Every structure is written in C-alpha cells, then in structure tokens.
Protein backbone atom coordinates (compact mmCIF):
# COMPACT_ATOMS: atom_id res chain seq x y z
CA MET A 1 -33.15 6.79 31.68
CA LYS A 2 -33.49 9.39 28.19
CA LYS A 3 -29.65 10.14 28.60
CA ILE A 4 -28.32 6.23 29.38
CA SER A 5 -30.39 5.28 26.50
CA LYS A 6 -28.86 7.46 24.12
CA ILE A 7 -25.16 6.95 25.92
CA ILE A 8 -25.91 3.40 25.07
CA LEU A 9 -27.32 3.60 21.59
CA GLY A 10 -24.01 5.97 20.86
CA LEU A 11 -22.13 3.70 22.11
CA PHE A 12 -23.51 0.55 19.48
CA LEU A 13 -23.12 2.84 16.87
CA ILE A 14 -19.17 3.89 17.48
CA VAL A 15 -19.27 -0.10 17.64
CA GLY A 16 -20.84 -0.69 14.71
CA MET A 17 -18.95 1.91 12.27
CA THR A 18 -15.76 0.37 13.60
CA SER A 19 -16.62 -3.20 12.50
CA CYS A 20 -17.63 -2.18 9.22
CA GLU A 21 -14.68 0.10 8.15
CA LEU A 22 -12.36 -2.56 9.40
CA PHE A 23 -14.27 -5.86 7.38
CA GLY A 24 -15.28 -3.17 4.65
CA LEU A 25 -11.65 -2.71 4.17
CA ASP A 26 -12.31 1.10 3.93
CA PHE A 27 -11.15 2.24 7.23
CA SER A 28 -8.61 4.82 6.60
CA GLU A 29 -11.65 7.29 4.93
CA SER A 30 -13.11 8.11 8.13
CA ALA A 31 -11.29 6.76 11.34
CA ASP A 32 -9.55 9.24 13.75
CA PHE A 33 -6.30 9.39 14.59
CA GLU A 34 -7.59 7.09 18.10
CA ALA A 35 -9.24 4.50 15.97
CA LYS A 36 -6.13 4.16 13.76
CA LYS A 37 -3.88 3.56 16.43
CA SER A 38 -5.83 0.75 17.79
CA ASP A 39 -4.60 -2.73 17.42
CA ASN A 40 -6.55 -3.84 14.37
CA ARG A 41 -5.69 -7.37 14.84
CA VAL A 42 -5.58 -10.44 11.41
CA GLU A 43 -4.74 -13.82 12.84
CA MET A 44 -3.04 -14.30 9.26
CA ASN A 45 0.05 -14.24 7.36
CA ALA A 46 0.04 -11.31 4.75
CA LEU A 47 -0.13 -14.38 2.04
CA ASP A 48 -3.22 -16.25 3.49
CA PHE A 49 -4.70 -12.43 3.96
CA ILE A 50 -4.72 -12.07 0.12
CA LYS A 51 -6.12 -15.37 -0.52
CA SER A 52 -8.78 -14.70 2.05
CA ARG A 53 -10.05 -11.47 -0.49
CA PRO A 54 -10.14 -12.78 -3.73
CA ASP A 55 -12.77 -10.01 -4.46
CA ILE A 56 -10.28 -7.12 -4.07
CA PHE A 57 -6.98 -9.39 -4.29
CA SER A 58 -7.21 -11.78 -7.36
CA SER A 59 -5.09 -9.98 -9.56
CA LEU A 60 -2.75 -9.50 -6.56
CA LEU A 61 -2.20 -13.10 -6.13
CA ASP A 62 -2.51 -14.27 -9.45
CA ALA A 63 0.88 -11.95 -9.96
CA ILE A 64 2.72 -13.01 -6.85
CA GLU A 65 2.06 -16.64 -8.03
CA TYR A 66 3.34 -15.99 -11.66
CA ALA A 67 6.51 -14.18 -10.23
CA GLY A 68 7.19 -16.83 -8.09
CA VAL A 69 7.67 -14.78 -4.87
CA GLU A 70 4.98 -16.15 -2.73
CA ASP A 71 7.66 -16.78 0.09
CA MET A 72 8.51 -12.79 0.16
CA TYR A 73 4.57 -12.76 1.77
CA LEU A 74 5.57 -15.33 4.80
CA GLU A 75 8.51 -13.71 6.12
CA SER A 76 8.28 -11.58 9.65
CA GLY A 77 8.75 -7.94 10.16
CA ASN A 78 7.53 -6.10 7.08
CA THR A 79 5.26 -3.90 5.77
CA TYR A 80 3.16 -5.08 3.13
CA ILE A 81 1.70 -2.27 0.38
CA LEU A 82 -1.17 -4.65 -1.25
CA LEU A 83 -2.33 -3.99 -4.58
CA THR A 84 -5.70 -4.15 -5.51
CA ASN A 85 -7.78 -5.33 -8.62
CA ASN A 86 -8.15 -1.58 -8.77
CA ALA A 87 -4.46 -1.20 -8.68
CA LEU A 88 -3.24 -3.58 -10.95
CA THR A 89 -5.72 -4.77 -13.45
CA ASN A 90 -9.32 -3.20 -13.63
CA TRP A 91 -8.72 -0.39 -16.33
CA GLU A 92 -12.57 0.03 -16.37
CA SER A 93 -12.80 1.50 -13.07
CA ASN A 94 -9.17 3.11 -12.93
CA ASP A 95 -7.25 4.18 -16.02
CA LYS A 96 -4.00 4.54 -14.09
CA CYS A 97 -4.04 0.80 -12.82
CA TYR A 98 -0.63 -1.27 -14.21
CA TRP A 99 -1.62 -3.02 -17.22
CA ALA A 100 -3.45 -0.05 -18.38
CA ARG A 101 -0.08 2.69 -17.66
CA GLU A 102 2.45 -0.06 -18.36
CA LYS A 103 1.39 -1.49 -22.06
CA VAL A 104 2.64 -4.24 -23.62
CA GLU A 105 3.56 -4.61 -27.52
CA VAL A 106 1.08 -7.06 -29.50
CA ASN A 107 1.58 -7.02 -33.28
CA GLY A 108 4.07 -3.78 -33.28
CA ASN A 109 1.37 -2.04 -31.27
CA LEU A 110 1.38 -0.99 -27.52
CA VAL A 111 -1.59 -2.03 -25.66
CA ARG A 112 -3.41 -2.39 -22.44
CA ALA A 113 -1.91 -5.80 -21.00
CA GLY A 114 -4.65 -8.43 -20.18
CA SER A 115 -2.58 -11.33 -18.02
CA TRP A 116 0.32 -11.43 -15.94
CA ASP A 117 2.17 -13.51 -18.78
CA GLN A 118 2.31 -10.67 -21.49
CA TYR A 119 5.06 -9.78 -19.13
CA ASP A 120 8.45 -10.23 -18.09
CA LYS A 121 8.73 -12.63 -14.95
CA LYS A 122 11.49 -10.23 -13.29
CA GLN A 123 9.11 -7.11 -14.06
CA VAL A 124 6.29 -8.76 -12.20
CA ALA A 125 8.49 -9.75 -9.03
CA GLU A 126 9.80 -6.08 -8.88
CA LEU A 127 6.72 -4.41 -8.81
CA LEU A 128 5.67 -6.47 -6.05
CA LYS A 129 8.87 -6.58 -4.08
CA TYR A 130 8.47 -2.62 -4.39
CA HIS A 131 5.54 -2.99 -2.78
CA VAL A 132 6.90 -4.51 0.38
CA VAL A 133 8.38 -2.90 3.20
CA LYS A 134 11.44 -4.03 5.97
CA GLY A 135 10.58 -3.06 9.07
CA GLU A 136 6.88 -2.71 10.41
CA TYR A 137 5.51 0.69 9.93
CA SER A 138 2.14 1.77 11.26
CA TYR A 139 0.33 4.59 12.97
CA HIS A 140 2.20 3.87 16.50
CA ASN A 141 5.58 4.99 14.45
CA LEU A 142 5.11 7.08 11.31
CA THR A 143 4.53 11.16 12.17
CA SER A 144 4.03 13.53 9.36
CA ALA A 145 7.87 14.04 8.74
CA ALA A 146 8.14 11.48 5.50
CA ILE A 147 10.78 8.75 6.02
CA TRP A 148 12.10 7.00 3.26
CA THR A 149 12.44 3.23 3.93
CA GLU A 150 14.01 0.51 2.41
CA THR A 151 11.86 -2.39 -0.04
CA TYR A 152 13.13 -5.75 -1.33
CA GLY A 153 13.25 -3.91 -4.69
CA GLU A 154 16.67 -4.76 -6.07
CA GLY A 155 19.47 -2.12 -5.78
CA SER A 156 23.04 -1.80 -4.73
CA PHE A 157 23.90 1.98 -4.35
CA ASP A 158 24.43 3.82 -0.78
CA TYR A 159 23.27 7.17 -0.72
CA ASN A 160 22.35 9.73 1.85
CA LYS A 161 18.49 11.94 1.48
CA ASP A 162 17.28 14.08 4.20
CA GLY A 163 19.81 12.61 6.73
CA GLN A 164 18.92 8.86 6.33
CA THR A 165 21.79 6.70 4.80
CA LEU A 166 19.71 4.16 2.86
CA LYS A 167 20.59 0.75 0.93
CA GLY A 168 18.72 0.07 -2.37
CA ASP A 169 19.38 2.61 -5.46
CA THR A 170 15.90 4.07 -6.38
CA ALA A 171 14.00 0.56 -4.61
CA VAL A 172 13.14 2.92 -1.13
CA LEU A 173 9.26 4.28 -0.82
CA SER A 174 8.66 7.31 1.34
CA MET A 175 5.99 7.10 3.80
CA MET A 176 4.53 10.02 5.93
CA LEU A 177 0.81 10.74 7.66
CA GLY A 178 -0.66 13.92 6.12
CA TYR A 179 -0.75 17.25 8.25
CA ASP A 180 -4.47 16.66 8.79
CA ARG A 181 -6.63 15.68 11.82
CA ASN A 182 -7.66 11.94 10.22
CA LEU A 183 -3.62 11.94 9.71
CA PRO A 184 -4.37 9.80 6.04
CA LEU A 185 -1.09 7.82 4.98
CA GLN A 186 0.62 9.00 2.10
CA LEU A 187 3.23 7.12 0.34
CA ASN A 188 5.30 8.54 -2.13
CA ASN A 189 3.31 11.87 -2.15
CA TYR A 190 5.63 14.10 -4.14
CA ASP A 191 4.69 15.93 -7.50
CA TRP A 192 6.44 13.20 -9.47
CA ASN A 193 3.77 10.68 -8.49
CA TYR A 194 1.37 9.95 -11.39
CA ARG A 195 -1.34 11.10 -9.26
CA GLY A 196 0.33 13.93 -8.42
CA LEU A 197 0.85 15.72 -5.11
CA LEU A 198 -1.88 14.54 -2.54
CA ALA A 199 -3.78 17.19 -0.62
CA ALA A 200 -3.22 17.62 3.14
CA SER A 201 -6.38 15.16 3.66
CA ALA A 202 -6.10 13.21 0.96
CA ALA A 203 -4.80 9.02 1.54
CA SER A 204 -2.72 6.53 -0.44
CA CYS A 205 -4.25 3.82 0.97
CA ARG A 206 -7.91 2.87 1.68
CA THR A 207 -7.16 0.50 4.37
CA THR A 208 -4.58 1.52 6.55
CA ASN A 209 -2.91 -0.23 9.82
CA LEU A 210 -3.77 -3.70 9.14
CA HIS A 211 -1.36 -5.94 11.86
CA LEU A 212 -1.07 -9.13 10.28
CA ASN A 213 0.73 -12.29 12.30
CA ASN A 214 4.22 -11.15 10.10
CA GLY A 215 3.73 -7.51 9.89
CA TYR A 216 1.29 -4.78 9.06
CA ALA A 217 -0.38 -4.18 6.26
CA HIS A 218 -1.80 -1.15 4.38
CA VAL A 219 -4.77 -1.44 1.18
CA THR A 220 -4.42 1.04 -1.77
CA ASP A 221 -5.98 1.30 -5.52
CA TYR A 222 -2.52 3.20 -6.75
CA TYR A 223 0.24 0.98 -7.13
CA LEU A 224 3.48 3.29 -6.18
CA GLU A 225 6.16 4.44 -9.20
CA ARG A 226 9.41 4.97 -7.75
CA PRO A 227 11.44 7.82 -7.26
CA THR A 228 14.12 8.90 -9.81
CA ARG A 229 17.65 8.91 -9.59
CA LYS A 230 17.75 12.63 -10.22
CA PHE A 231 15.41 13.10 -7.55
CA LEU A 232 17.11 11.08 -5.36
CA GLY A 233 20.48 13.21 -5.87
CA GLN A 234 22.00 9.99 -7.01
CA LYS A 235 24.65 10.45 -10.25
C-alpha cells in the first residue's frame, strides 16, 4: 500500500512540475529531453499569444504595432523567437537589452532609449523580422549540429555556409541543441555573440517548443544580433 501511495504521489509531482514550467514560461531550464519532445500545444496564433501575456511581452507588442508588422505574426509555418520585456526594454534587469545597447541620440548625446518612436520604424521592423524564422523548428527536428535558418530579415545574396545554400545576406540565424542531457536550445552560439559563447548546458531561451496554431515559439530574454558578412564568408 505504501509503495502504491509513493507512486501516485510521484505522478502528481511530475504533472505539477510540468504545468508550472509550461505556463510559468520556465520550460527549458529543468525539463528533460522527453518532456521537451512533448507537444506543448497553445491554441492561439503568435500574435494572440503575445497579447495574452502583457506581463512579459508588452514591449514586444508595442514594437510590433509601431513597426506595423502584425501580419507577420499571423502567418503559418514559422518559428517565432519571442522577445521578452527583459530582452527589449527592461534595462534595470538586463543591461544588455535592446534599448540599452542600441542607444539613440538626444541633444547630441547617445543615451539609452525610452520609447520605440526614438528609432526609425524600418530599424524596429528589421529587428522583429530577424526573430521570425521561415519554417518550423523545434525539438522534433533540431539536433546538436548547428543549422543556419532563413529569417524574414532583408537581404539579397545567395551564399554557401557549412554545406547549406541560403538566402538573406546576414539575415540568417543559427539553431542547435547544446551538448547536454537537457539539450538546451542555443541560437547564434558563437563567440561574436554579445553574450559570449554559451556553455554546453546553457540555453538561449527561457521557454521552448511552444506549439502555436501557426508555428512554434521559443521565448528569450536576450535579443539576437546577426552574424557578420566576414563570419559568413561573404565579400
């Protein structure tokens, strides 16, 4: 009887932990590979999901509306790298957020931004487009071998990198799983990244593998910079 009680208690603990991690957006920090492969269905499109979590995505929604790219988040078959407030504007919690690193000129001085309208709309649109990948990428089809994926960012060149022919100038994004039992999702994990080269057990995202109605979403507290043309071997 005691053995059965322990088994039942263990099952309740597993279910509770999985629910907390999914809805608390803390999925990739402690879940193992089998949990990550599960189908974490979210019955919303990307834009509606962003709107449903103003506590962490209010800055992202403001940027989307300012740049006028709402339709991109309604398209199907994409992978959405969703940027939290910490990634974009919350410099008190993250001195590497976009507003802190991409300073604006005020009265002849470069200062930290305080609103999206201090940036050109095209710049904000390009930031957002780079974080939307064409094609669906999740733990179902990613491995520990880095692949280069095409984003919605602007570009006009074809080139070959690691045996792949890609379009998009520098508007490509590297995706892989770290060499660790938890298989953390790692994006643009190279030493030119402003976060530096991540350890095998470190993740680029706080939450991963959210299966939306129109694609997959991975949530991150750090915006991504593009690789340079020199790194990609372009002229």
